Structures are given as C-alpha cells and as structure tokens.
Protein backbone atom coordinates (compact mmCIF):
# COMPACT_ATOMS: atom_id res chain seq x y z
CA LYS A 1 0.00 0.00 0.00
CA VAL A 2 1.45 3.34 -1.11
CA THR A 3 0.68 6.27 1.19
CA TYR A 4 2.45 9.47 2.26
CA LEU A 5 6.11 8.44 2.28
CA THR A 6 6.94 9.57 5.83
CA ASP A 7 3.93 7.60 7.12
CA MET A 8 4.83 4.61 4.96
CA LEU A 9 8.34 4.45 6.42
CA THR A 10 6.86 4.63 9.91
CA ASP A 11 4.42 1.79 9.13
CA LYS A 12 7.24 -0.39 7.76
CA ALA A 13 9.33 0.25 10.87
CA THR A 14 6.53 -0.45 13.35
CA ASP A 15 5.54 -3.63 11.49
CA PHE A 16 9.17 -4.78 11.59
CA ILE A 17 9.34 -4.16 15.36
CA LYS A 18 6.20 -6.22 15.97
CA GLU A 19 7.43 -9.07 13.75
CA ASN A 20 10.83 -9.20 15.47
CA SER A 21 9.85 -8.34 19.05
CA LYS A 22 11.10 -11.68 20.40
CA LYS A 23 14.65 -11.41 19.03
CA PRO A 24 17.34 -8.72 18.78
CA PHE A 25 17.00 -6.41 15.78
CA PHE A 26 18.58 -3.36 14.21
CA ILE A 27 16.60 -0.72 12.31
CA TYR A 28 18.11 2.00 10.15
CA LEU A 29 15.10 4.27 9.63
CA SER A 30 16.08 7.00 7.19
CA TYR A 31 13.15 9.39 6.89
CA ASN A 32 12.82 11.52 3.77
CA ALA A 33 11.37 14.45 5.71
CA VAL A 34 12.35 17.27 5.74
CA HIS A 35 14.20 16.77 2.47
CA THR A 36 12.98 18.08 -0.87
CA PRO A 37 10.59 17.81 -2.63
CA MET A 38 8.62 19.78 -0.06
CA ASN A 39 5.36 17.84 -0.21
CA ALA A 40 3.31 18.16 2.96
CA LYS A 41 -0.10 16.83 3.95
CA LYS A 42 -2.90 19.29 3.29
CA GLU A 43 -4.34 18.98 6.80
CA LEU A 44 -0.95 19.85 8.30
CA MET A 45 -0.48 22.76 5.89
CA ASP A 46 -3.87 24.00 7.11
CA ARG A 47 -2.78 23.57 10.75
CA PHE A 48 0.16 25.91 10.13
CA ALA A 49 -1.81 28.46 8.11
CA SER A 50 -0.50 31.20 10.41
CA ILE A 51 2.98 30.80 8.86
CA ALA A 52 2.93 33.25 5.95
CA ASP A 53 5.92 31.88 4.06
CA PRO A 54 4.72 28.78 2.12
CA GLY A 55 8.16 27.17 2.27
CA ARG A 56 8.39 27.48 6.04
CA ARG A 57 4.79 26.29 6.35
CA ALA A 58 5.60 23.14 4.35
CA TYR A 59 8.75 22.66 6.45
CA ALA A 60 6.71 22.82 9.67
CA ALA A 61 4.10 20.43 8.28
CA MET A 62 6.71 17.89 7.13
CA MET A 63 8.54 18.20 10.46
CA THR A 64 5.27 17.39 12.22
CA SER A 65 4.86 14.25 10.10
CA LEU A 66 8.41 13.26 11.04
CA ASP A 67 7.75 13.96 14.72
CA ASP A 68 4.51 11.97 14.64
CA GLY A 69 6.35 9.08 12.95
CA VAL A 70 9.08 8.97 15.59
CA GLY A 71 6.36 9.08 18.25
CA LYS A 72 4.62 6.04 16.73
CA VAL A 73 7.90 4.10 16.62
CA MET A 74 8.51 4.94 20.27
CA GLU A 75 4.95 3.94 21.21
CA THR A 76 5.31 0.63 19.36
CA LEU A 77 8.48 -0.17 21.30
CA LYS A 78 6.56 0.56 24.51
CA GLN A 79 3.63 -1.64 23.48
CA GLN A 80 6.04 -4.51 22.78
CA ASN A 81 7.80 -3.97 26.15
CA LEU A 82 11.00 -3.08 24.34
CA ASP A 83 11.27 0.63 25.20
CA LYS A 84 13.56 0.02 28.21
CA ASN A 85 15.79 -2.42 26.35
CA THR A 86 16.38 -0.56 23.09
CA LEU A 87 19.09 1.93 22.24
CA ILE A 88 17.61 4.71 20.11
CA ILE A 89 19.81 7.18 18.24
CA PHE A 90 18.25 10.14 16.43
CA ILE A 91 20.44 12.22 14.14
CA ASN A 92 20.07 14.30 11.00
CA ASP A 93 22.46 13.77 8.13
CA ASN A 94 23.57 17.37 7.54
CA GLY A 95 22.70 20.97 8.18
CA GLY A 96 19.84 22.75 6.47
CA ALA A 97 19.92 23.25 2.70
CA THR A 98 19.09 26.36 0.68
CA VAL A 99 16.23 24.78 -1.26
CA ASN A 100 13.84 23.64 1.49
CA SER A 101 13.37 26.84 3.53
CA SER A 102 15.75 25.69 6.27
CA ASP A 103 17.12 28.06 8.89
CA ASN A 104 20.43 27.19 10.54
CA GLY A 105 20.11 29.94 13.14
CA PRO A 106 23.49 31.21 14.37
CA LEU A 107 25.40 28.60 12.37
CA ARG A 108 27.13 29.87 9.22
CA GLY A 109 26.73 28.07 5.92
CA MET A 110 24.43 25.29 4.77
CA LYS A 111 24.26 21.66 3.66
CA GLY A 112 27.41 20.69 1.76
CA SER A 113 29.56 23.46 3.20
CA LYS A 114 32.33 23.00 5.74
CA TRP A 115 30.88 25.76 7.93
CA GLU A 116 29.11 24.64 11.11
CA GLY A 117 25.79 25.13 9.33
CA GLY A 118 26.73 22.25 7.05
CA ILE A 119 28.14 19.73 9.50
CA ARG A 120 26.95 20.46 13.06
CA VAL A 121 23.68 18.61 13.63
CA ALA A 122 21.42 17.44 16.42
CA MET A 123 22.03 14.00 17.89
CA MET A 124 20.02 12.33 20.64
CA MET A 125 20.44 8.96 22.34
CA ARG A 126 18.06 7.08 24.64
CA TRP A 127 18.75 3.82 26.46
CA PRO A 128 17.19 3.55 29.95
CA GLY A 129 19.57 2.14 32.53
CA ASN A 130 22.60 2.77 30.33
CA ILE A 131 22.35 6.47 29.46
CA ALA A 132 21.17 8.99 32.05
CA PRO A 133 18.11 11.00 30.96
CA ASN A 134 18.11 14.79 30.46
CA LYS A 135 21.88 14.90 30.09
CA THR A 136 23.80 17.02 27.60
CA TYR A 137 27.10 15.77 26.21
CA ASN A 138 29.18 18.52 24.61
CA LYS A 139 32.28 16.78 23.27
CA PRO A 140 32.34 16.35 19.46
CA VAL A 141 31.13 13.00 18.13
CA SER A 142 30.36 11.71 14.65
CA SER A 143 27.71 9.69 12.84
CA LEU A 144 30.55 7.24 12.17
CA ASP A 145 30.23 6.33 15.87
CA ILE A 146 26.76 4.84 15.38
CA LEU A 147 28.00 1.50 14.00
CA PRO A 148 30.50 0.61 16.76
CA THR A 149 28.09 1.94 19.40
CA SER A 150 25.32 -0.30 18.04
CA ILE A 151 27.60 -3.35 17.89
CA ALA A 152 28.62 -2.79 21.53
CA ALA A 153 25.03 -2.23 22.67
CA GLY A 154 24.03 -5.57 21.18
CA ASN A 155 27.02 -7.38 22.72
CA GLY A 156 28.18 -8.07 19.18
CA LYS A 157 31.61 -8.54 17.71
CA GLN A 158 32.96 -6.89 14.61
CA LYS A 159 33.84 -9.37 11.88
CA GLY A 160 37.16 -9.01 10.09
CA THR A 161 40.18 -6.92 10.96
CA LYS A 162 39.21 -3.66 9.28
CA LYS A 163 39.40 -0.78 11.76
CA LEU A 164 36.25 1.29 12.07
CA ASP A 165 36.57 5.08 12.02
CA GLY A 166 33.97 5.47 14.76
CA ILE A 167 34.01 4.42 18.41
CA ASN A 168 31.55 3.11 21.00
CA LEU A 169 30.07 6.23 22.59
CA ILE A 170 28.27 4.59 25.53
CA PRO A 171 31.19 4.79 28.04
CA TYR A 172 31.62 8.47 27.15
CA VAL A 173 28.02 9.65 27.33
CA ASN A 174 27.34 7.75 30.57
CA GLY A 175 30.41 9.35 32.20
CA LYS A 176 32.55 6.23 32.70
CA ASN A 177 35.18 7.47 30.24
CA LYS A 178 36.13 11.10 30.90
CA LYS A 179 38.43 11.38 27.89
CA VAL A 180 37.56 13.01 24.57
CA PRO A 181 36.03 10.47 22.13
CA HIS A 182 37.95 11.91 19.18
CA GLU A 183 41.18 13.89 19.26
CA ALA A 184 40.13 15.40 15.95
CA LEU A 185 37.33 15.13 13.39
CA TYR A 186 37.79 15.63 9.64
CA TRP A 187 35.61 16.50 6.66
CA ARG A 188 36.26 16.98 2.95
CA ARG A 189 34.11 17.66 -0.08
CA GLY A 190 35.68 18.65 -3.38
CA VAL A 191 38.12 21.53 -2.86
CA ALA A 192 36.89 22.26 0.68
CA ALA A 193 38.19 20.45 3.76
CA ALA A 194 37.90 21.02 7.49
CA MET A 195 39.08 19.62 10.78
CA ARG A 196 38.16 20.21 14.40
CA GLU A 197 40.40 19.68 17.39
CA ASP A 198 38.93 20.61 20.77
CA ASN A 199 37.22 23.98 20.11
CA TRP A 200 39.50 24.88 17.20
CA LYS A 201 38.05 24.55 13.70
CA LEU A 202 40.18 24.84 10.58
CA ILE A 203 38.74 25.20 7.06
CA ARG A 204 40.88 24.91 3.93
CA VAL A 205 39.64 25.79 0.46
CA LYS A 206 42.49 25.25 -2.02
CA GLU A 207 45.30 27.47 -0.66
CA ASN A 208 43.03 29.54 1.59
CA VAL A 209 43.07 28.64 5.29
CA LEU A 210 40.57 29.84 7.90
CA LEU A 211 40.80 29.21 11.65
CA PHE A 212 38.07 29.72 14.24
CA ASN A 213 37.62 29.18 17.97
CA LEU A 214 34.11 27.78 18.30
CA SER A 215 34.00 28.28 22.08
CA ASN A 216 33.47 32.02 21.61
CA ASP A 217 32.75 32.27 17.87
CA LEU A 218 30.12 29.69 16.98
CA SER A 219 29.12 31.66 13.89
CA GLU A 220 32.70 31.49 12.53
CA THR A 221 33.10 35.21 11.89
CA ILE A 222 36.62 35.88 13.25
CA ASN A 223 39.41 34.30 11.20
CA LEU A 224 42.34 33.63 13.56
CA ALA A 225 44.61 31.97 10.99
CA VAL A 226 47.04 34.90 10.71
CA LYS A 227 47.09 35.46 14.48
CA ASN A 228 47.61 31.74 15.14
CA PRO A 229 49.74 30.41 12.27
C-alpha cells in the first residue's frame, strides 16, 4: 500500500518491530522528511496556516509528520515492552539546505559546506539504565560512531580486521570514560576540507586557510589563521 512516504516508512518500521519483538533487531530508519521535494499533507499545511511563508509552512508540516512518525515508533516499542531495552539514536544527516526553507540559526553556511551550518547537527540517544536521561554531552562525536556503538550495545563482535573510524560512545556519554572520544574530526568535499580539534576549527579551500575558535565564535566570523599560524 502506497501512502504518504513519511507515514509509509513509519508503518514499515513499526511492522518490523512487531514481527521481530522476540529477538534482537537493528533498524536504520532514514526518513525523507524534511528533504525536498517539499510535499506536505494538506491537513498539516492548514494547521500551520499562520505561517505566511509557504516554504516554512511546508517545512513545519513535514517536520510534524516526522515527529509523529518517531512518536509512533517509540509507542510501538513501549507496546512490545522493548522501550527500556532498546538503544535509540536520532540524528540528522547534515545541516539545512538552501532549497527547502531551512534556517540554521546562528550557524554559518548550509548543507554541503564546511561551515558549522553544514556539519553540526542534532544527535540524541536514549537507552534507559545505560544512558542517564536529560543529560547534555558537549564533546564532538560523529555519525561514524553509530556502527561501533550499536555493535557494543548488542554485545556483538565486529567481523574481520578492518578498523572502524567510529568508536563506541556509551562509556563516554554515561560518564565512565572522561576522555575526549575523538582527538580530531575531519571533513572533505571537493576543494573544501575542514578539521576540528577541541574547540579549534580549521577550514581549507584550495590554498586559503581559515581558523576559528568555536567556544566564543560559533558563527565562525573571526578568522584567527594569521594570528595563530
């Protein structure tokens, strides 16, 4: 049955949970919302009629569909008595784009860029008894950490000898490991590259080098490269 795609993905995920409730499972649920094309349900567009900009209205409506979908997945886990024994990681793949009425707030740049607006995203983790609720973890982590974290959560073992780029985050977010998960993080796309070490962020575009201290310049407005060669 073909329905609204965000709802369809939710239905597939909840059906999978019910079918596999008696054995360990892994779900990678990659919602389309709020990606383009910006197609929102009419009833949700009507709910947000007070938003004058049609792009932002569609964004709000699609975000609501996403939020409702996540809520149904969470409710299904609860109904199957799995909510206290399931690690849930929620993350978006990149910062807001320029074609879907996104707003990255104080973060400079957009999807695809090496500015914080392109690579700094929300990430949430929930695992009762293993991760304390209502806790904020501020050290930089990466989506590459999801695989080793998931393997560890399921008491699994990695096959082969290939070293994973990510690490198991559980000991860090629950406070057992006080060290920094990554000494540095790196990004590259085409001619643009970036790295972050502690609160220092370096961006290189061909021969041009920019350096920022994110602790007091989150919007990356003060280039410290000359001052700190």
